[in-house]
Amino acid sequence: MKEILPKRKNIRLKYYDYSQKGMYFITICIKNRLELLGKIKNINYIQLTREGFLAEKYIKNIEQIYKNVKIDEYIIMPNHIHCILIINSKKDISISRIIKQYKMYVSKKIGYSIWQKSFHEHIIKNKQEYFIIKKYIQNNIINWKNDIFFCRGG
């Protein structure tokens, strides 16, 4: 008998064009919040695993593939990635497509998918919000033990 699963809720804004020029705060999580990308070694250093090095290598590669996209700031954490993705000019590629291709490429190099379905995005509305998010990303390792959403208990 086929199991009936709940319908996934679309978390994107209904009428927003995610291929338009703008700044976006992106969070990509590992399936089941497993700490596959690395281990926090002290308050400001993460030792990346093979999967973490691949995730980092290909996040840096996004700018080479999409000439209108800049990865302004990023952090690879044990079980998630944060980045500020900037679209400098409107093209026919959306943030969803960029992240889908990124996850697919990393998965192919690893040999299996490590990713949770979808990703979280936040449209950065102004410079003040940008600087708050940038500082959040920069301090993510320091705040790991207190991060109730991503840390599994320190």
N, C-alpha and C. Protein backbone atom coordinates (compact mmCIF):
# COMPACT_ATOMS: atom_id res chain seq x y z
N MET A 1 0.84 -1.18 0.00
CA MET A 1 0.00 0.00 0.00
C MET A 1 0.89 1.25 0.00
N LYS A 2 0.57 2.21 -0.83
CA LYS A 2 1.37 3.41 -0.97
C LYS A 2 1.13 4.36 0.20
N GLU A 3 2.26 4.83 0.79
CA GLU A 3 2.17 5.76 1.91
C GLU A 3 1.81 7.15 1.39
N ILE A 4 0.87 7.81 2.05
CA ILE A 4 0.47 9.16 1.67
C ILE A 4 1.29 10.14 2.49
N LEU A 5 2.12 10.90 1.78
CA LEU A 5 2.98 11.87 2.43
C LEU A 5 2.34 13.25 2.37
N PRO A 6 2.61 14.09 3.36
CA PRO A 6 2.06 15.45 3.30
C PRO A 6 2.67 16.22 2.13
N LYS A 7 1.88 17.10 1.54
CA LYS A 7 2.36 17.90 0.42
C LYS A 7 3.34 18.95 0.96
N ARG A 8 4.51 19.04 0.31
CA ARG A 8 5.53 20.01 0.73
C ARG A 8 5.04 21.42 0.46
N LYS A 9 5.24 22.28 1.44
CA LYS A 9 4.85 23.67 1.32
C LYS A 9 5.92 24.43 0.54
N ASN A 10 5.51 25.24 -0.43
CA ASN A 10 6.45 26.06 -1.18
C ASN A 10 6.87 27.23 -0.29
N ILE A 11 8.18 27.36 -0.02
CA ILE A 11 8.64 28.40 0.89
C ILE A 11 9.09 29.67 0.15
N ARG A 12 9.00 29.70 -1.15
CA ARG A 12 9.38 30.89 -1.91
C ARG A 12 8.21 31.86 -1.99
N LEU A 13 8.53 33.15 -2.12
CA LEU A 13 7.49 34.16 -2.30
C LEU A 13 6.79 33.90 -3.63
N LYS A 14 5.48 33.94 -3.60
CA LYS A 14 4.69 33.51 -4.75
C LYS A 14 4.98 34.30 -6.04
N TYR A 15 5.09 35.60 -5.96
CA TYR A 15 5.24 36.40 -7.18
C TYR A 15 6.61 37.07 -7.29
N TYR A 16 7.58 36.59 -6.55
CA TYR A 16 8.91 37.19 -6.60
C TYR A 16 9.76 36.50 -7.66
N ASP A 17 10.50 37.29 -8.41
CA ASP A 17 11.38 36.77 -9.47
C ASP A 17 12.77 36.55 -8.88
N TYR A 18 13.11 35.31 -8.58
CA TYR A 18 14.38 34.97 -7.96
C TYR A 18 15.55 34.95 -8.94
N SER A 19 15.35 35.46 -10.14
CA SER A 19 16.46 35.61 -11.07
C SER A 19 16.85 37.08 -11.21
N GLN A 20 16.13 37.95 -10.49
CA GLN A 20 16.41 39.38 -10.62
C GLN A 20 17.59 39.81 -9.76
N LYS A 21 18.13 40.95 -10.12
CA LYS A 21 19.27 41.53 -9.42
C LYS A 21 18.92 41.71 -7.93
N GLY A 22 19.86 41.30 -7.06
CA GLY A 22 19.63 41.45 -5.63
C GLY A 22 20.60 40.64 -4.81
N MET A 23 20.46 40.75 -3.49
CA MET A 23 21.31 40.02 -2.54
C MET A 23 20.43 39.03 -1.78
N TYR A 24 20.94 37.82 -1.58
CA TYR A 24 20.17 36.75 -0.97
C TYR A 24 21.03 36.01 0.06
N PHE A 25 20.45 35.77 1.22
CA PHE A 25 21.09 34.98 2.27
C PHE A 25 20.58 33.55 2.09
N ILE A 26 21.50 32.63 1.82
CA ILE A 26 21.16 31.25 1.51
C ILE A 26 21.67 30.32 2.61
N THR A 27 20.83 29.37 3.01
CA THR A 27 21.25 28.31 3.93
C THR A 27 20.91 26.97 3.28
N ILE A 28 21.92 26.12 3.18
CA ILE A 28 21.76 24.77 2.62
C ILE A 28 22.11 23.79 3.73
N CYS A 29 21.21 22.89 4.05
CA CYS A 29 21.41 21.96 5.16
C CYS A 29 21.72 20.54 4.68
N ILE A 30 22.44 19.82 5.52
CA ILE A 30 22.72 18.41 5.30
C ILE A 30 21.52 17.60 5.77
N LYS A 31 21.21 16.54 5.04
CA LYS A 31 20.10 15.66 5.38
C LYS A 31 20.24 15.16 6.82
N ASN A 32 19.18 15.24 7.58
CA ASN A 32 19.11 14.81 8.98
C ASN A 32 20.10 15.54 9.89
N ARG A 33 20.57 16.70 9.44
CA ARG A 33 21.52 17.52 10.21
C ARG A 33 22.79 16.76 10.62
N LEU A 34 23.16 15.78 9.84
CA LEU A 34 24.40 15.04 10.13
C LEU A 34 25.59 15.95 9.92
N GLU A 35 26.58 15.83 10.75
CA GLU A 35 27.77 16.68 10.68
C GLU A 35 28.80 16.07 9.73
N LEU A 36 28.50 16.14 8.44
CA LEU A 36 29.32 15.51 7.41
C LEU A 36 30.38 16.42 6.82
N LEU A 37 30.25 17.73 6.99
CA LEU A 37 31.15 18.65 6.30
C LEU A 37 32.39 19.00 7.10
N GLY A 38 32.39 18.73 8.40
CA GLY A 38 33.57 19.05 9.19
C GLY A 38 33.29 19.02 10.68
N LYS A 39 34.30 19.34 11.44
CA LYS A 39 34.21 19.40 12.91
C LYS A 39 34.76 20.74 13.37
N ILE A 40 34.08 21.35 14.33
CA ILE A 40 34.57 22.58 14.94
C ILE A 40 35.72 22.20 15.86
N LYS A 41 36.89 22.78 15.61
CA LYS A 41 38.08 22.44 16.39
C LYS A 41 38.35 23.43 17.51
N ASN A 42 38.04 24.67 17.31
CA ASN A 42 38.08 25.66 18.38
C ASN A 42 37.12 26.77 17.99
N ILE A 43 37.11 27.88 18.71
CA ILE A 43 36.06 28.88 18.49
C ILE A 43 36.10 29.57 17.13
N ASN A 44 37.17 29.41 16.39
CA ASN A 44 37.20 30.09 15.09
C ASN A 44 37.78 29.22 13.96
N TYR A 45 37.68 27.90 14.10
CA TYR A 45 38.25 27.03 13.07
C TYR A 45 37.41 25.78 12.90
N ILE A 46 37.14 25.44 11.65
CA ILE A 46 36.46 24.18 11.33
C ILE A 46 37.41 23.35 10.48
N GLN A 47 37.57 22.10 10.88
CA GLN A 47 38.37 21.17 10.09
C GLN A 47 37.42 20.47 9.13
N LEU A 48 37.56 20.78 7.85
CA LEU A 48 36.65 20.23 6.84
C LEU A 48 36.99 18.77 6.54
N THR A 49 35.95 18.00 6.26
CA THR A 49 36.09 16.63 5.78
C THR A 49 36.25 16.68 4.26
N ARG A 50 36.40 15.54 3.64
CA ARG A 50 36.45 15.47 2.17
C ARG A 50 35.19 16.11 1.58
N GLU A 51 34.03 15.79 2.17
CA GLU A 51 32.77 16.36 1.69
C GLU A 51 32.76 17.88 1.87
N GLY A 52 33.31 18.34 2.99
CA GLY A 52 33.38 19.78 3.26
C GLY A 52 34.29 20.50 2.27
N PHE A 53 35.44 19.89 1.95
CA PHE A 53 36.34 20.48 0.95
C PHE A 53 35.67 20.56 -0.42
N LEU A 54 34.93 19.51 -0.78
CA LEU A 54 34.22 19.54 -2.06
C LEU A 54 33.13 20.61 -2.06
N ALA A 55 32.39 20.71 -0.96
CA ALA A 55 31.35 21.73 -0.84
C ALA A 55 31.96 23.13 -0.99
N GLU A 56 33.11 23.34 -0.36
CA GLU A 56 33.78 24.64 -0.44
C GLU A 56 34.32 24.90 -1.85
N LYS A 57 34.95 23.91 -2.43
CA LYS A 57 35.51 24.06 -3.78
C LYS A 57 34.44 24.49 -4.76
N TYR A 58 33.28 23.86 -4.70
CA TYR A 58 32.25 24.14 -5.69
C TYR A 58 31.41 25.36 -5.37
N ILE A 59 31.39 25.79 -4.11
CA ILE A 59 30.71 27.07 -3.83
C ILE A 59 31.54 28.21 -4.41
N LYS A 60 32.87 28.06 -4.37
CA LYS A 60 33.75 29.06 -4.98
C LYS A 60 33.61 29.05 -6.51
N ASN A 61 33.24 27.92 -7.05
CA ASN A 61 33.11 27.74 -8.50
C ASN A 61 31.86 28.39 -9.08
N ILE A 62 30.88 28.70 -8.23
CA ILE A 62 29.61 29.27 -8.72
C ILE A 62 29.86 30.52 -9.55
N GLU A 63 30.78 31.38 -9.10
CA GLU A 63 31.07 32.62 -9.82
C GLU A 63 31.66 32.37 -11.20
N GLN A 64 32.37 31.25 -11.37
CA GLN A 64 32.97 30.92 -12.66
C GLN A 64 31.91 30.43 -13.65
N ILE A 65 30.91 29.75 -13.11
CA ILE A 65 29.84 29.20 -13.95
C ILE A 65 28.82 30.27 -14.31
N TYR A 66 28.47 31.10 -13.34
CA TYR A 66 27.45 32.15 -13.53
C TYR A 66 28.15 33.50 -13.41
N LYS A 67 28.45 34.11 -14.53
CA LYS A 67 29.23 35.36 -14.55
C LYS A 67 28.50 36.53 -13.89
N ASN A 68 27.18 36.46 -13.77
CA ASN A 68 26.41 37.53 -13.15
C ASN A 68 26.19 37.31 -11.65
N VAL A 69 26.81 36.26 -11.09
CA VAL A 69 26.61 35.90 -9.68
C VAL A 69 27.92 36.04 -8.91
N LYS A 70 27.80 36.55 -7.69
CA LYS A 70 28.95 36.66 -6.79
C LYS A 70 28.60 36.00 -5.47
N ILE A 71 29.51 35.19 -4.94
CA ILE A 71 29.38 34.67 -3.58
C ILE A 71 30.16 35.63 -2.70
N ASP A 72 29.46 36.47 -1.98
CA ASP A 72 30.08 37.56 -1.24
C ASP A 72 30.71 37.08 0.06
N GLU A 73 30.05 36.21 0.74
CA GLU A 73 30.52 35.67 2.02
C GLU A 73 29.94 34.27 2.14
N TYR A 74 30.69 33.35 2.73
CA TYR A 74 30.15 32.02 2.95
C TYR A 74 30.86 31.39 4.15
N ILE A 75 30.22 30.36 4.70
CA ILE A 75 30.83 29.55 5.75
C ILE A 75 30.34 28.12 5.57
N ILE A 76 31.27 27.20 5.62
CA ILE A 76 30.93 25.77 5.62
C ILE A 76 30.91 25.35 7.08
N MET A 77 29.80 24.90 7.57
CA MET A 77 29.65 24.43 8.95
C MET A 77 29.51 22.90 8.92
N PRO A 78 29.57 22.24 10.07
CA PRO A 78 29.49 20.77 10.08
C PRO A 78 28.26 20.21 9.37
N ASN A 79 27.10 20.88 9.50
CA ASN A 79 25.89 20.33 8.93
C ASN A 79 25.06 21.32 8.09
N HIS A 80 25.68 22.44 7.74
CA HIS A 80 25.00 23.40 6.87
C HIS A 80 26.00 24.37 6.26
N ILE A 81 25.53 25.10 5.28
CA ILE A 81 26.31 26.13 4.61
C ILE A 81 25.49 27.40 4.61
N HIS A 82 26.13 28.52 4.91
CA HIS A 82 25.51 29.83 4.76
C HIS A 82 26.29 30.58 3.70
N CYS A 83 25.60 31.37 2.90
CA CYS A 83 26.30 32.27 1.98
C CYS A 83 25.42 33.45 1.64
N ILE A 84 26.09 34.51 1.23
CA ILE A 84 25.39 35.65 0.63
C ILE A 84 25.66 35.55 -0.86
N LEU A 85 24.61 35.37 -1.60
CA LEU A 85 24.68 35.23 -3.05
C LEU A 85 24.14 36.53 -3.65
N ILE A 86 24.93 37.15 -4.50
CA ILE A 86 24.52 38.41 -5.13
C ILE A 86 24.35 38.18 -6.63
N ILE A 87 23.17 38.53 -7.12
CA ILE A 87 22.92 38.52 -8.56
C ILE A 87 23.11 39.95 -9.04
N ASN A 88 24.10 40.15 -9.91
CA ASN A 88 24.46 41.50 -10.37
C ASN A 88 23.64 41.98 -11.55
N SER A 89 23.09 41.06 -12.32
CA SER A 89 22.27 41.44 -13.46
C SER A 89 21.27 40.32 -13.75
N LYS A 90 20.12 40.70 -14.27
CA LYS A 90 19.06 39.74 -14.55
C LYS A 90 19.47 38.81 -15.68
N LYS A 91 19.32 37.53 -15.42
CA LYS A 91 19.57 36.50 -16.44
C LYS A 91 18.42 35.50 -16.37
N ASP A 92 18.51 34.47 -17.17
CA ASP A 92 17.46 33.46 -17.20
C ASP A 92 17.71 32.33 -16.21
N ILE A 93 18.53 32.56 -15.20
CA ILE A 93 18.82 31.52 -14.22
C ILE A 93 18.38 32.01 -12.84
N SER A 94 17.65 31.17 -12.13
CA SER A 94 17.13 31.57 -10.81
C SER A 94 18.03 31.02 -9.70
N ILE A 95 17.84 31.55 -8.51
CA ILE A 95 18.58 31.06 -7.35
C ILE A 95 18.30 29.57 -7.15
N SER A 96 17.07 29.16 -7.31
CA SER A 96 16.73 27.74 -7.15
C SER A 96 17.53 26.86 -8.09
N ARG A 97 17.68 27.31 -9.31
CA ARG A 97 18.44 26.54 -10.31
C ARG A 97 19.93 26.50 -9.95
N ILE A 98 20.47 27.64 -9.50
CA ILE A 98 21.88 27.70 -9.10
C ILE A 98 22.15 26.73 -7.96
N ILE A 99 21.30 26.75 -6.93
CA ILE A 99 21.50 25.89 -5.76
C ILE A 99 21.29 24.43 -6.13
N LYS A 100 20.28 24.15 -6.95
CA LYS A 100 20.03 22.78 -7.39
C LYS A 100 21.25 22.23 -8.13
N GLN A 101 21.81 23.01 -9.04
CA GLN A 101 22.98 22.56 -9.79
C GLN A 101 24.20 22.41 -8.88
N TYR A 102 24.36 23.32 -7.93
CA TYR A 102 25.46 23.23 -6.97
C TYR A 102 25.36 21.92 -6.18
N LYS A 103 24.19 21.65 -5.62
CA LYS A 103 23.99 20.43 -4.82
C LYS A 103 24.19 19.18 -5.67
N MET A 104 23.72 19.23 -6.91
CA MET A 104 23.85 18.09 -7.80
C MET A 104 25.33 17.83 -8.13
N TYR A 105 26.09 18.88 -8.38
CA TYR A 105 27.49 18.72 -8.74
C TYR A 105 28.30 18.18 -7.56
N VAL A 106 28.06 18.71 -6.36
CA VAL A 106 28.76 18.22 -5.16
C VAL A 106 28.39 16.76 -4.91
N SER A 107 27.12 16.44 -5.03
CA SER A 107 26.66 15.06 -4.83
C SER A 107 27.34 14.10 -5.81
N LYS A 108 27.45 14.54 -7.06
CA LYS A 108 28.09 13.70 -8.08
C LYS A 108 29.55 13.43 -7.71
N LYS A 109 30.26 14.45 -7.23
CA LYS A 109 31.66 14.29 -6.86
C LYS A 109 31.83 13.43 -5.61
N ILE A 110 30.88 13.52 -4.67
CA ILE A 110 30.94 12.71 -3.45
C ILE A 110 30.56 11.27 -3.75
N GLY A 111 29.57 11.11 -4.63
CA GLY A 111 29.09 9.77 -4.98
C GLY A 111 27.69 9.48 -4.49
N TYR A 112 27.14 10.39 -3.72
CA TYR A 112 25.76 10.26 -3.22
C TYR A 112 25.31 11.63 -2.71
N SER A 113 24.00 11.79 -2.51
CA SER A 113 23.48 13.07 -2.05
C SER A 113 23.54 13.17 -0.53
N ILE A 114 24.05 14.28 -0.04
CA ILE A 114 24.12 14.54 1.41
C ILE A 114 23.11 15.60 1.82
N TRP A 115 22.37 16.16 0.86
CA TRP A 115 21.59 17.36 1.09
C TRP A 115 20.16 17.12 1.54
N GLN A 116 19.69 18.00 2.38
CA GLN A 116 18.27 18.09 2.70
C GLN A 116 17.58 18.66 1.46
N LYS A 117 16.33 18.31 1.26
CA LYS A 117 15.60 18.86 0.11
C LYS A 117 15.46 20.37 0.28
N SER A 118 15.50 21.05 -0.82
CA SER A 118 15.33 22.49 -0.90
C SER A 118 16.46 23.25 -0.19
N PHE A 119 16.20 24.47 0.18
CA PHE A 119 17.15 25.32 0.88
C PHE A 119 16.36 26.51 1.41
N HIS A 120 16.97 27.26 2.32
CA HIS A 120 16.31 28.45 2.85
C HIS A 120 16.95 29.66 2.19
N GLU A 121 16.13 30.64 1.84
CA GLU A 121 16.66 31.89 1.32
C GLU A 121 15.95 33.05 1.99
N HIS A 122 16.68 34.13 2.11
CA HIS A 122 16.13 35.37 2.64
C HIS A 122 16.59 36.49 1.71
N ILE A 123 15.68 37.29 1.23
CA ILE A 123 16.01 38.41 0.36
C ILE A 123 16.56 39.53 1.25
N ILE A 124 17.79 39.94 0.99
CA ILE A 124 18.41 41.01 1.78
C ILE A 124 17.91 42.34 1.22
N LYS A 125 17.24 43.11 2.08
CA LYS A 125 16.52 44.29 1.62
C LYS A 125 17.33 45.58 1.60
N ASN A 126 18.38 45.67 2.41
CA ASN A 126 19.14 46.92 2.48
C ASN A 126 20.55 46.66 3.03
N LYS A 127 21.39 47.69 3.03
CA LYS A 127 22.78 47.54 3.47
C LYS A 127 22.88 47.19 4.95
N GLN A 128 22.00 47.73 5.77
CA GLN A 128 22.03 47.41 7.21
C GLN A 128 21.80 45.92 7.42
N GLU A 129 20.79 45.38 6.77
CA GLU A 129 20.50 43.96 6.87
C GLU A 129 21.67 43.13 6.32
N TYR A 130 22.25 43.59 5.22
CA TYR A 130 23.40 42.92 4.62
C TYR A 130 24.54 42.79 5.64
N PHE A 131 24.87 43.88 6.33
CA PHE A 131 25.99 43.85 7.29
C PHE A 131 25.68 42.96 8.49
N ILE A 132 24.44 42.93 8.93
CA ILE A 132 24.04 42.05 10.04
C ILE A 132 24.22 40.59 9.64
N ILE A 133 23.76 40.24 8.44
CA ILE A 133 23.87 38.86 7.96
C ILE A 133 25.33 38.49 7.71
N LYS A 134 26.10 39.39 7.14
CA LYS A 134 27.52 39.13 6.89
C LYS A 134 28.25 38.84 8.21
N LYS A 135 27.96 39.62 9.24
CA LYS A 135 28.58 39.41 10.56
C LYS A 135 28.10 38.07 11.15
N TYR A 136 26.83 37.74 10.95
CA TYR A 136 26.30 36.46 11.42
C TYR A 136 27.08 35.29 10.80
N ILE A 137 27.32 35.37 9.50
CA ILE A 137 28.07 34.32 8.81
C ILE A 137 29.50 34.25 9.34
N GLN A 138 30.13 35.41 9.48
CA GLN A 138 31.51 35.45 9.95
C GLN A 138 31.66 34.89 11.38
N ASN A 139 30.61 35.03 12.19
CA ASN A 139 30.66 34.56 13.58
C ASN A 139 29.99 33.21 13.79
N ASN A 140 29.63 32.53 12.71
CA ASN A 140 28.88 31.29 12.83
C ASN A 140 29.64 30.20 13.59
N ILE A 141 30.94 30.08 13.38
CA ILE A 141 31.72 29.08 14.11
C ILE A 141 31.75 29.41 15.59
N ILE A 142 31.96 30.68 15.92
CA ILE A 142 32.01 31.12 17.32
C ILE A 142 30.69 30.80 18.03
N ASN A 143 29.58 30.93 17.31
CA ASN A 143 28.25 30.75 17.90
C ASN A 143 27.71 29.32 17.78
N TRP A 144 28.51 28.39 17.27
CA TRP A 144 28.07 27.02 17.01
C TRP A 144 27.41 26.36 18.22
N LYS A 145 28.02 26.45 19.38
CA LYS A 145 27.49 25.77 20.56
C LYS A 145 26.13 26.30 20.99
N ASN A 146 25.82 27.55 20.63
CA ASN A 146 24.55 28.16 21.02
C ASN A 146 23.52 28.13 19.92
N ASP A 147 23.85 27.55 18.78
CA ASP A 147 22.96 27.57 17.62
C ASP A 147 21.91 26.46 17.77
N ILE A 148 20.74 26.83 18.25
CA ILE A 148 19.68 25.85 18.53
C ILE A 148 19.08 25.24 17.27
N PHE A 149 19.27 25.90 16.12
CA PHE A 149 18.68 25.39 14.89
C PHE A 149 19.57 24.38 14.18
N PHE A 150 20.87 24.47 14.36
CA PHE A 150 21.76 23.60 13.61
C PHE A 150 22.60 22.68 14.48
N CYS A 151 22.91 23.08 15.66
CA CYS A 151 23.79 22.27 16.53
C CYS A 151 22.98 21.18 17.21
N ARG A 152 23.58 20.01 17.34
CA ARG A 152 22.88 18.88 17.96
C ARG A 152 23.25 18.75 19.43
N GLY A 153 23.49 19.84 20.09
CA GLY A 153 23.74 19.78 21.53
C GLY A 153 25.17 20.11 21.93
N GLY A 154 25.94 20.66 21.00
CA GLY A 154 27.28 21.14 21.34
C GLY A 154 28.29 20.14 21.11
